[in-house]
C-alpha atoms as a PDB file:
ATOM      1  CA  UNK A   1     132.545 169.245  65.745  1.00  0.00           C
ATOM      2  CA  UNK A   2     130.741 171.438  68.265  1.00  0.00           C
ATOM      3  CA  UNK A   3     128.272 172.464  65.563  1.00  0.00           C
ATOM      4  CA  UNK A   4     127.418 168.831  65.015  1.00  0.00           C
ATOM      5  CA  UNK A   5     127.017 168.158  68.744  1.00  0.00           C
ATOM      6  CA  UNK A   6     124.757 171.195  69.077  1.00  0.00           C
ATOM      7  CA  UNK A   7     122.678 170.107  66.097  1.00  0.00           C
ATOM      8  CA  UNK A   8     122.269 166.597  67.518  1.00  0.00           C
ATOM      9  CA  UNK A   9     121.118 168.113  70.813  1.00  0.00           C
ATOM     10  CA  UNK A  10     118.589 170.312  69.023  1.00  0.00           C
ATOM     11  CA  UNK A  11     117.245 167.338  67.066  1.00  0.00           C
ATOM     12  CA  UNK A  12     116.885 165.278  70.247  1.00  0.00           C
ATOM     13  CA  UNK A  13     115.117 168.178  71.989  1.00  0.00           C
ATOM     14  CA  UNK A  14     112.692 168.567  69.083  1.00  0.00           C
ATOM     15  CA  UNK A  15     112.002 164.843  69.004  1.00  0.00           C
ATOM     16  CA  UNK A  16     111.325 164.748  72.732  1.00  0.00           C
ATOM     17  CA  UNK A  17     108.386 167.097  72.090  1.00  0.00           C
ATOM     18  CA  UNK A  18     107.083 164.913  69.239  1.00  0.00           C
ATOM     19  CA  UNK A  19     104.545 162.278  70.202  1.00  0.00           C
ATOM     20  CA  UNK A  20     103.471 160.901  66.837  1.00  0.00           C
ATOM     21  CA  UNK A  21     106.846 159.930  65.420  1.00  0.00           C
ATOM     22  CA  UNK A  22     106.913 156.781  63.314  1.00  0.00           C
ATOM     23  CA  UNK A  23     108.957 154.130  65.207  1.00  0.00           C
ATOM     24  CA  UNK A  24     110.884 153.273  62.028  1.00  0.00           C
ATOM     25  CA  UNK A  25     111.970 156.905  61.588  1.00  0.00           C
ATOM     26  CA  UNK A  26     112.902 157.141  65.257  1.00  0.00           C
ATOM     27  CA  UNK A  27     115.068 154.018  64.873  1.00  0.00           C
ATOM     28  CA  UNK A  28     116.757 155.281  61.692  1.00  0.00           C
ATOM     29  CA  UNK A  29     117.530 158.578  63.372  1.00  0.00           C
ATOM     30  CA  UNK A  30     118.929 156.729  66.404  1.00  0.00           C
ATOM     31  CA  UNK A  31     121.252 154.740  64.122  1.00  0.00           C
ATOM     32  CA  UNK A  32     122.407 157.934  62.407  1.00  0.00           C
ATOM     33  CA  UNK A  33     122.999 159.532  65.814  1.00  0.00           C
ATOM     34  CA  UNK A  34     125.087 156.537  66.952  1.00  0.00           C
ATOM     35  CA  UNK A  35     127.141 156.618  63.761  1.00  0.00           C
ATOM     36  CA  UNK A  36     127.800 160.335  64.189  1.00  0.00           C
ATOM     37  CA  UNK A  37     128.780 159.816  67.833  1.00  0.00           C
ATOM     38  CA  UNK A  38     131.332 157.226  66.664  1.00  0.00           C
ATOM     39  CA  UNK A  39     132.635 159.758  64.148  1.00  0.00           C
ATOM     40  CA  UNK A  40     133.014 162.384  66.854  1.00  0.00           C
ATOM     41  CA  UNK A  41     134.889 159.958  69.102  1.00  0.00           C
ATOM     42  CA  UNK A  42     137.352 159.131  66.325  1.00  0.00           C
ATOM     43  CA  UNK A  43     137.612 162.768  65.236  1.00  0.00           C
ATOM     44  CA  UNK A  44     137.286 161.769  61.576  1.00  0.00           C
ATOM     45  CA  UNK A  45     140.450 159.686  61.402  1.00  0.00           C
ATOM     46  CA  UNK A  46     138.720 157.394  58.921  1.00  0.00           C
ATOM     47  CA  UNK A  47     136.199 159.577  57.051  1.00  0.00           C
ATOM     48  CA  UNK A  48     135.774 156.987  54.299  1.00  0.00           C
ATOM     49  CA  UNK A  49     134.078 154.717  56.851  1.00  0.00           C
ATOM     50  CA  UNK A  50     131.337 157.330  57.273  1.00  0.00           C
ATOM     51  CA  UNK A  51     130.895 158.298  53.645  1.00  0.00           C
ATOM     52  CA  UNK A  52     127.169 157.533  53.727  1.00  0.00           C
ATOM     53  CA  UNK A  53     126.269 159.694  56.732  1.00  0.00           C
ATOM     54  CA  UNK A  54     125.530 162.864  54.786  1.00  0.00           C
ATOM     55  CA  UNK A  55     123.372 160.942  52.336  1.00  0.00           C
ATOM     56  CA  UNK A  56     121.592 159.114  55.173  1.00  0.00           C
ATOM     57  CA  UNK A  57     120.886 162.411  56.924  1.00  0.00           C
ATOM     58  CA  UNK A  58     119.478 163.959  53.742  1.00  0.00           C
ATOM     59  CA  UNK A  59     117.260 160.925  53.205  1.00  0.00           C
ATOM     60  CA  UNK A  60     115.930 161.187  56.754  1.00  0.00           C
ATOM     61  CA  UNK A  61     115.325 164.909  56.332  1.00  0.00           C
ATOM     62  CA  UNK A  62     113.121 164.179  53.318  1.00  0.00           C
ATOM     63  CA  UNK A  63     111.151 161.576  55.247  1.00  0.00           C
ATOM     64  CA  UNK A  64     110.539 163.998  58.132  1.00  0.00           C
ATOM     65  CA  UNK A  65     109.491 166.898  55.879  1.00  0.00           C
ATOM     66  CA  UNK A  66     105.734 166.322  55.713  1.00  0.00           C
ATOM     67  CA  UNK A  67     104.924 165.563  59.338  1.00  0.00           C
ATOM     68  CA  UNK A  68     107.834 167.152  61.198  1.00  0.00           C
ATOM     69  CA  UNK A  69     109.228 170.059  59.140  1.00  0.00           C
ATOM     70  CA  UNK A  70     111.226 171.550  62.028  1.00  0.00           C
ATOM     71  CA  UNK A  71     113.020 168.267  62.638  1.00  0.00           C
ATOM     72  CA  UNK A  72     113.576 167.906  58.887  1.00  0.00           C
ATOM     73  CA  UNK A  73     115.217 171.339  58.807  1.00  0.00           C
ATOM     74  CA  UNK A  74     117.553 170.425  61.672  1.00  0.00           C
ATOM     75  CA  UNK A  75     118.505 167.112  60.068  1.00  0.00           C
ATOM     76  CA  UNK A  76     119.152 168.944  56.789  1.00  0.00           C
ATOM     77  CA  UNK A  77     121.463 171.330  58.619  1.00  0.00           C
ATOM     78  CA  UNK A  78     123.221 168.343  60.165  1.00  0.00           C
ATOM     79  CA  UNK A  79     123.705 166.907  56.657  1.00  0.00           C
ATOM     80  CA  UNK A  80     125.206 170.236  55.586  1.00  0.00           C
ATOM     81  CA  UNK A  81     127.684 170.066  58.473  1.00  0.00           C
ATOM     82  CA  UNK A  82     128.635 166.524  57.488  1.00  0.00           C
ATOM     83  CA  UNK A  83     129.094 167.637  53.900  1.00  0.00           C
ATOM     84  CA  UNK A  84     131.377 170.488  54.943  1.00  0.00           C
ATOM     85  CA  UNK A  85     133.513 168.009  56.849  1.00  0.00           C
ATOM     86  CA  UNK A  86     134.113 166.211  53.582  1.00  0.00           C
ATOM     87  CA  UNK A  87     132.229 163.111  54.624  1.00  0.00           C
END
């Protein structure tokens, strides 16, 4: 869980230095962040409720790849963490 918290912090730090981020992508990432925060609060008691988080993270990583490759890499790593949790 700490790995995921650290990754979320790194993503937020990278985004804070990004001025030209598409508002739609920023919103989608905010939703993913909120969903992951809910997961962390529940400590994965109901992983089936979050089954789409890994897929959502991978989709966002692809969308960030061209204009923000560093953020895309971090989101991809976050997706890997989610996958290892069995989500």
